Amino acid sequence: MMKEPGKVKLTKEDKEKFAREAKTLDPLEFLALSRFINDYKARFTKADLKFLNSHLGRRAERLLRNVVENFSFDDRPERKEDGETAGF
């Protein structure tokens, strides 16, 4: 009989890397990662799942903002992640 896998606990380093990498996901990577996390959400702790979804939500907002403002998913380098434009 096969033992059911337990919960995955993200380390501080895991969270730092995820936060950094989530900021640069292109739309296809975003969708694939969102699907993966959704498929395996039972494997993550509640706090870690909240952390992951929070960062994915920020990236989704950024991608949608890019489409509305630039008619493109591409990030503009002069724009900060929090929505402020540089130099203004």
C-alpha atoms as a PDB file:
ATOM      1  CA  MET A   1       0.000   0.000   0.000  1.00  0.00           C
ATOM      2  CA  MET A   2       1.363   3.390  -0.981  1.00  0.00           C
ATOM      3  CA  LYS A   3       1.611   6.101   1.654  1.00  0.00           C
ATOM      4  CA  GLU A   4      -0.092   9.393   0.759  1.00  0.00           C
ATOM      5  CA  PRO A   5       2.395  12.271   0.424  1.00  0.00           C
ATOM      6  CA  GLY A   6       2.385  14.890   3.154  1.00  0.00           C
ATOM      7  CA  LYS A   7       2.267  18.662   3.066  1.00  0.00           C
ATOM      8  CA  VAL A   8       5.047  20.687   1.491  1.00  0.00           C
ATOM      9  CA  LYS A   9       6.415  23.458   3.700  1.00  0.00           C
ATOM     10  CA  LEU A  10       8.088  26.309   1.808  1.00  0.00           C
ATOM     11  CA  THR A  11      11.362  27.573   3.236  1.00  0.00           C
ATOM     12  CA  LYS A  12      12.319  31.234   3.444  1.00  0.00           C
ATOM     13  CA  GLU A  13      14.546  30.754   0.390  1.00  0.00           C
ATOM     14  CA  ASP A  14      11.683  29.095  -1.526  1.00  0.00           C
ATOM     15  CA  LYS A  15       9.420  32.056  -0.790  1.00  0.00           C
ATOM     16  CA  GLU A  16      12.059  34.617  -1.764  1.00  0.00           C
ATOM     17  CA  LYS A  17      12.728  32.867  -5.080  1.00  0.00           C
ATOM     18  CA  PHE A  18       9.017  32.431  -5.821  1.00  0.00           C
ATOM     19  CA  ALA A  19       8.322  36.106  -5.092  1.00  0.00           C
ATOM     20  CA  ARG A  20      11.210  37.186  -7.340  1.00  0.00           C
ATOM     21  CA  GLU A  21      10.357  34.842 -10.211  1.00  0.00           C
ATOM     22  CA  ALA A  22       6.594  35.444 -10.090  1.00  0.00           C
ATOM     23  CA  LYS A  23       7.194  39.089 -11.038  1.00  0.00           C
ATOM     24  CA  THR A  24       8.522  38.076 -14.457  1.00  0.00           C
ATOM     25  CA  LEU A  25       6.148  35.278 -15.482  1.00  0.00           C
ATOM     26  CA  ASP A  26       4.836  35.583 -19.008  1.00  0.00           C
ATOM     27  CA  PRO A  27       1.139  34.782 -19.558  1.00  0.00           C
ATOM     28  CA  LEU A  28       1.708  31.126 -20.486  1.00  0.00           C
ATOM     29  CA  GLU A  29       4.025  30.530 -17.534  1.00  0.00           C
ATOM     30  CA  PHE A  30       1.516  32.267 -15.291  1.00  0.00           C
ATOM     31  CA  LEU A  31      -1.331  30.024 -16.462  1.00  0.00           C
ATOM     32  CA  ALA A  32       0.768  26.859 -16.176  1.00  0.00           C
ATOM     33  CA  LEU A  33       1.965  27.711 -12.673  1.00  0.00           C
ATOM     34  CA  SER A  34      -1.526  28.711 -11.543  1.00  0.00           C
ATOM     35  CA  ARG A  35      -2.883  25.409 -12.810  1.00  0.00           C
ATOM     36  CA  PHE A  36      -0.090  23.454 -11.128  1.00  0.00           C
ATOM     37  CA  ILE A  37      -0.663  25.162  -7.766  1.00  0.00           C
ATOM     38  CA  ASN A  38      -4.415  24.645  -8.064  1.00  0.00           C
ATOM     39  CA  ASP A  39      -3.963  20.949  -8.913  1.00  0.00           C
ATOM     40  CA  TYR A  40      -1.658  20.391  -5.939  1.00  0.00           C
ATOM     41  CA  LYS A  41      -3.179  22.838  -3.447  1.00  0.00           C
ATOM     42  CA  ALA A  42      -3.833  20.031  -0.953  1.00  0.00           C
ATOM     43  CA  ARG A  43      -0.067  19.521  -0.684  1.00  0.00           C
ATOM     44  CA  PHE A  44       0.666  23.062   0.534  1.00  0.00           C
ATOM     45  CA  THR A  45       0.089  24.443   3.998  1.00  0.00           C
ATOM     46  CA  LYS A  46      -2.692  26.992   4.302  1.00  0.00           C
ATOM     47  CA  ALA A  47      -0.214  29.840   4.937  1.00  0.00           C
ATOM     48  CA  ASP A  48       1.998  28.840   1.998  1.00  0.00           C
ATOM     49  CA  LEU A  49      -0.979  28.549  -0.342  1.00  0.00           C
ATOM     50  CA  LYS A  50      -2.083  32.030   0.706  1.00  0.00           C
ATOM     51  CA  PHE A  51       1.452  33.320  -0.006  1.00  0.00           C
ATOM     52  CA  LEU A  52       1.565  31.671  -3.449  1.00  0.00           C
ATOM     53  CA  ASN A  53      -1.887  32.906  -4.453  1.00  0.00           C
ATOM     54  CA  SER A  54      -1.077  36.409  -3.234  1.00  0.00           C
ATOM     55  CA  HIS A  55       1.941  36.651  -5.520  1.00  0.00           C
ATOM     56  CA  LEU A  56       0.076  35.107  -8.426  1.00  0.00           C
ATOM     57  CA  GLY A  57      -2.739  37.608  -7.899  1.00  0.00           C
ATOM     58  CA  ARG A  58      -0.281  40.499  -8.059  1.00  0.00           C
ATOM     59  CA  ARG A  59       1.159  39.146 -11.285  1.00  0.00           C
ATOM     60  CA  ALA A  60      -2.317  38.692 -12.772  1.00  0.00           C
ATOM     61  CA  GLU A  61      -3.130  42.314 -11.939  1.00  0.00           C
ATOM     62  CA  ARG A  62       0.110  43.458 -13.545  1.00  0.00           C
ATOM     63  CA  LEU A  63      -0.499  41.456 -16.714  1.00  0.00           C
ATOM     64  CA  LEU A  64      -4.019  42.850 -17.045  1.00  0.00           C
ATOM     65  CA  ARG A  65      -2.800  46.391 -16.372  1.00  0.00           C
ATOM     66  CA  ASN A  66      -0.192  45.954 -19.108  1.00  0.00           C
ATOM     67  CA  VAL A  67      -2.879  44.934 -21.595  1.00  0.00           C
ATOM     68  CA  VAL A  68      -5.111  47.879 -20.713  1.00  0.00           C
ATOM     69  CA  GLU A  69      -2.340  50.483 -20.734  1.00  0.00           C
ATOM     70  CA  ASN A  70       0.039  49.126 -23.383  1.00  0.00           C
ATOM     71  CA  PHE A  71      -2.070  46.707 -25.428  1.00  0.00           C
ATOM     72  CA  SER A  72       0.622  44.155 -24.636  1.00  0.00           C
ATOM     73  CA  PHE A  73       1.467  41.682 -21.861  1.00  0.00           C
ATOM     74  CA  ASP A  74       5.065  42.937 -21.820  1.00  0.00           C
ATOM     75  CA  ASP A  75       6.342  44.704 -18.732  1.00  0.00           C
ATOM     76  CA  ARG A  76       7.655  48.185 -19.326  1.00  0.00           C
ATOM     77  CA  PRO A  77      10.998  48.715 -17.570  1.00  0.00           C
ATOM     78  CA  GLU A  78      10.188  52.265 -16.461  1.00  0.00           C
ATOM     79  CA  ARG A  79       7.208  51.019 -14.450  1.00  0.00           C
ATOM     80  CA  LYS A  80       7.582  49.843 -10.868  1.00  0.00           C
ATOM     81  CA  GLU A  81       5.697  46.805  -9.569  1.00  0.00           C
ATOM     82  CA  ASP A  82       3.547  48.865  -7.200  1.00  0.00           C
ATOM     83  CA  GLY A  83       2.018  50.884 -10.052  1.00  0.00           C
ATOM     84  CA  GLU A  84       4.041  54.074  -9.726  1.00  0.00           C
ATOM     85  CA  THR A  85       5.813  55.377 -12.791  1.00  0.00           C
ATOM     86  CA  ALA A  86       9.449  56.287 -12.463  1.00  0.00           C
ATOM     87  CA  GLY A  87      10.374  59.916 -12.797  1.00  0.00           C
ATOM     88  CA  PHE A  88       6.972  61.326 -11.913  1.00  0.00           C
END
